[in-house]
Protein backbone atom coordinates (compact mmCIF):
# COMPACT_ATOMS: atom_id res chain seq x y z
CA UNK A 1 -0.02 -0.01 0.01
CA UNK A 2 1.46 3.39 -0.99
CA UNK A 3 1.63 5.81 1.89
CA UNK A 4 0.70 9.34 0.88
CA UNK A 5 2.64 12.20 2.36
CA UNK A 6 0.24 15.02 1.52
CA UNK A 7 -2.64 15.82 -0.78
CA UNK A 8 -2.74 19.38 -2.15
CA UNK A 9 -5.68 20.98 -4.02
CA UNK A 10 -4.48 24.03 -5.87
CA UNK A 11 -7.07 26.67 -6.74
CA UNK A 12 -6.34 29.44 -9.26
CA UNK A 13 -7.81 32.84 -8.42
CA UNK A 14 -10.92 34.09 -10.23
CA UNK A 15 -10.84 36.41 -13.19
CA UNK A 16 -9.51 39.96 -13.17
CA UNK A 17 -9.46 42.62 -15.78
CA UNK A 18 -5.86 41.63 -16.54
CA UNK A 19 -6.62 37.89 -16.92
CA UNK A 20 -9.57 38.75 -19.22
CA UNK A 21 -7.14 40.60 -21.47
CA UNK A 22 -4.32 38.08 -21.21
CA UNK A 23 -2.09 40.65 -19.50
CA UNK A 24 0.89 39.69 -17.30
CA UNK A 25 0.56 40.85 -13.66
CA UNK A 26 2.95 40.53 -10.74
CA UNK A 27 1.43 43.45 -8.71
CA UNK A 28 0.43 42.02 -5.30
CA UNK A 29 -2.34 44.54 -4.67
CA UNK A 30 -3.72 44.84 -8.19
CA UNK A 31 -5.85 43.80 -9.97
CA UNK A 32 -8.66 42.60 -7.72
CA UNK A 33 -11.33 40.12 -8.76
CA UNK A 34 -13.89 41.45 -11.21
CA UNK A 35 -17.57 40.43 -11.05
CA UNK A 36 -16.92 37.31 -13.15
CA UNK A 37 -14.03 36.46 -10.92
CA UNK A 38 -16.25 36.59 -7.79
CA UNK A 39 -18.68 34.21 -9.43
CA UNK A 40 -15.93 31.79 -10.44
CA UNK A 41 -14.37 31.92 -6.93
CA UNK A 42 -17.73 31.11 -5.34
CA UNK A 43 -18.35 28.20 -7.78
CA UNK A 44 -14.98 26.62 -7.37
CA UNK A 45 -15.08 26.98 -3.58
CA UNK A 46 -18.43 25.17 -3.54
CA UNK A 47 -17.22 22.43 -5.83
CA UNK A 48 -14.07 21.74 -3.98
CA UNK A 49 -15.86 21.63 -0.59
CA UNK A 50 -18.40 19.05 -1.99
CA UNK A 51 -15.66 16.93 -3.62
CA UNK A 52 -13.28 17.09 -0.62
CA UNK A 53 -15.29 17.98 2.51
CA UNK A 54 -12.34 17.42 4.82
CA UNK A 55 -9.40 19.75 4.68
CA UNK A 56 -6.79 20.39 7.36
CA UNK A 57 -5.29 23.71 6.28
CA UNK A 58 -6.02 26.46 3.79
CA UNK A 59 -3.19 28.65 2.38
CA UNK A 60 -3.14 31.55 -0.07
CA UNK A 61 -0.52 33.63 -1.75
CA UNK A 62 -0.18 37.32 -0.84
CA UNK A 63 -1.70 38.45 -4.15
CA UNK A 64 -4.95 40.32 -3.57
CA UNK A 65 -6.84 38.33 -6.18
CA UNK A 66 -5.79 35.05 -4.50
CA UNK A 67 -6.75 36.33 -1.04
CA UNK A 68 -10.15 37.39 -2.34
CA UNK A 69 -10.68 33.98 -3.89
CA UNK A 70 -9.46 32.18 -0.79
CA UNK A 71 -12.13 34.03 1.34
CA UNK A 72 -14.79 32.14 -0.60
CA UNK A 73 -13.03 28.89 0.04
CA UNK A 74 -12.61 29.59 3.76
CA UNK A 75 -16.28 30.56 4.01
CA UNK A 76 -17.37 27.23 2.45
CA UNK A 77 -15.17 25.26 4.92
CA UNK A 78 -15.80 27.64 7.78
CA UNK A 79 -12.08 27.62 8.55
CA UNK A 80 -9.44 30.29 8.79
CA UNK A 81 -6.69 30.64 6.14
CA UNK A 82 -3.08 31.57 6.25
CA UNK A 83 -1.30 34.04 3.85
CA UNK A 84 2.13 32.81 3.03
CA UNK A 85 5.15 34.11 1.06
CA UNK A 86 6.80 32.38 -1.84
CA UNK A 87 3.79 31.25 -3.89
CA UNK A 88 3.11 34.69 -5.43
CA UNK A 89 2.75 35.25 -9.17
CA UNK A 90 5.78 35.24 -11.45
CA UNK A 91 7.72 38.47 -11.33
CA UNK A 92 7.51 39.93 -14.89
CA UNK A 93 9.79 43.02 -14.64
CA UNK A 94 8.91 45.81 -17.07
CA UNK A 95 6.64 43.47 -18.97
CA UNK A 96 4.16 43.80 -16.14
CA UNK A 97 0.70 44.82 -17.23
CA UNK A 98 1.37 44.05 -20.87
CA UNK A 99 -0.01 41.43 -23.35
CA UNK A 100 2.50 39.47 -25.43
CA UNK A 101 1.33 41.45 -28.46
CA UNK A 102 2.34 44.64 -26.74
CA UNK A 103 5.66 43.11 -25.65
CA UNK A 104 6.24 42.18 -29.31
CA UNK A 105 5.65 45.81 -30.32
CA UNK A 106 7.63 47.47 -27.51
CA UNK A 107 10.42 44.96 -26.79
CA UNK A 108 10.79 42.73 -29.91
CA UNK A 109 14.46 41.85 -29.22
CA UNK A 110 13.63 40.76 -25.65
CA UNK A 111 10.71 38.68 -26.79
CA UNK A 112 12.95 37.02 -29.40
CA UNK A 113 15.45 36.10 -26.65
CA UNK A 114 12.62 34.65 -24.62
CA UNK A 115 11.41 32.46 -27.48
CA UNK A 116 14.96 31.27 -28.07
CA UNK A 117 15.43 30.17 -24.45
CA UNK A 118 12.17 30.00 -22.47
CA UNK A 119 13.71 28.41 -19.39
CA UNK A 120 16.46 30.83 -18.66
CA UNK A 121 15.53 34.22 -20.10
CA UNK A 122 13.14 36.88 -18.76
CA UNK A 123 13.52 40.67 -18.86
CA UNK A 124 15.39 42.50 -16.08
CA UNK A 125 13.46 42.55 -12.80
CA UNK A 126 11.57 39.41 -13.75
CA UNK A 127 11.96 35.72 -13.00
CA UNK A 128 13.11 33.08 -15.47
CA UNK A 129 11.09 29.84 -15.63
CA UNK A 130 13.94 28.15 -13.77
CA UNK A 131 13.85 30.71 -10.97
CA UNK A 132 10.09 30.37 -10.80
CA UNK A 133 10.35 26.61 -10.48
CA UNK A 134 13.02 26.76 -7.77
CA UNK A 135 11.02 29.27 -5.71
CA UNK A 136 7.76 27.33 -5.99
CA UNK A 137 9.45 23.93 -5.41
CA UNK A 138 11.15 25.12 -2.23
CA UNK A 139 7.92 26.56 -0.75
CA UNK A 140 5.69 23.60 -1.69
CA UNK A 141 8.30 21.11 -0.29
CA UNK A 142 8.28 23.04 2.96
CA UNK A 143 4.47 23.06 3.13
CA UNK A 144 4.43 19.29 2.51
CA UNK A 145 6.97 18.66 5.29
CA UNK A 146 4.77 20.73 7.64
CA UNK A 147 1.58 18.84 6.67
CA UNK A 148 2.50 15.18 6.54
CA UNK A 149 -0.57 12.99 6.25
CA UNK A 150 -2.83 16.00 5.77
CA UNK A 151 -5.00 17.50 3.03
CA UNK A 152 -4.44 21.06 2.27
CA UNK A 153 -5.67 23.72 -0.14
CA UNK A 154 -3.48 26.34 -1.77
CA UNK A 155 -5.03 29.35 -3.60
CA UNK A 156 -2.52 30.93 -5.93
CA UNK A 157 -1.78 31.92 -9.49
CA UNK A 158 -1.76 29.94 -12.71
CA UNK A 159 1.96 30.04 -13.33
CA UNK A 160 2.67 28.73 -9.80
CA UNK A 161 0.36 25.77 -10.43
CA UNK A 162 1.85 25.11 -13.86
CA UNK A 163 5.32 25.12 -12.33
CA UNK A 164 4.43 22.65 -9.63
CA UNK A 165 2.78 20.25 -12.03
CA UNK A 166 5.85 20.36 -14.30
CA UNK A 167 8.12 19.58 -11.40
CA UNK A 168 5.84 16.86 -9.86
CA UNK A 169 5.42 15.05 -13.17
CA UNK A 170 8.92 15.65 -14.63
CA UNK A 171 7.48 17.64 -17.53
CA UNK A 172 10.14 19.75 -19.27
CA UNK A 173 9.94 23.32 -18.29
CA UNK A 174 9.72 24.39 -21.91
CA UNK A 175 6.18 22.93 -21.87
CA UNK A 176 5.02 24.85 -18.85
CA UNK A 177 2.81 27.17 -20.83
CA UNK A 178 1.00 24.19 -22.43
CA UNK A 179 -0.58 23.21 -19.14
CA UNK A 180 -3.96 24.94 -19.13
CA UNK A 181 -4.94 26.33 -15.78
CA UNK A 182 -7.92 28.64 -16.26
CA UNK A 183 -9.20 31.17 -13.71
CA UNK A 184 -11.48 29.77 -11.10
CA UNK A 185 -10.18 26.22 -11.61
CA UNK A 186 -8.92 23.45 -9.30
CA UNK A 187 -6.07 21.07 -9.69
CA UNK A 188 -5.00 18.26 -7.31
CA UNK A 189 -1.69 16.48 -6.66
CA UNK A 190 -1.16 13.56 -4.29
CA UNK A 191 2.43 13.43 -2.99
CA UNK A 192 3.93 10.02 -2.05
CA UNK A 193 7.40 9.18 -0.75
CA UNK A 194 9.05 8.63 -4.19
CA UNK A 195 6.48 9.94 -6.65
CA UNK A 196 3.53 12.24 -7.21
CA UNK A 197 0.19 11.56 -8.87
CA UNK A 198 -1.86 14.18 -10.71
CA UNK A 199 -5.48 13.55 -9.70
CA UNK A 200 -7.01 16.19 -11.92
CA UNK A 201 -5.98 19.48 -13.50
CA UNK A 202 -7.67 22.81 -14.47
CA UNK A 203 -11.21 21.73 -13.55
CA UNK A 204 -13.85 24.42 -13.86
CA UNK A 205 -17.33 23.62 -12.48
CA UNK A 206 -20.26 24.53 -14.66
């Protein structure tokens, strides 16, 4: 019988004006959930609680949109939640707030460098994919060690969830962007001693 170390349900925050326009955003306090995002947060919170009625701890990143989403989750479980560092959105430097089309117009040479080496290039002030993975892996590993035998929920950003799925399943980092994690969705990983199982990914309740 395999002994599970920890089960984590990851929830991506609900929609914002930036996610609706496919803009990058690493601002902790902006943007907040829009009206659609609040509806999505309420739906995913209800769905997760019905699917997994028992949870030991609820965590959220420090991003406002994640905290707002987490409040819906905490209300469904009638439990407190903890804001933790290290699982915030990817730092995007001076690309922050831009779409990739705008980056292509404003910084074509930088975008070309990124396409040539997606793992190790990002503009000044931002995080490379490798740096994102190292940050996320360090924090998730710590949370697992603090919650052995428990079931926890982490509310965070799509790139954090993509990064952890890549690491857990040994997916090459160059394919990180191919893992679809929509706003207001849930993904679940079960961590065992020597391996990790993806239970489901990017589920949106309808």
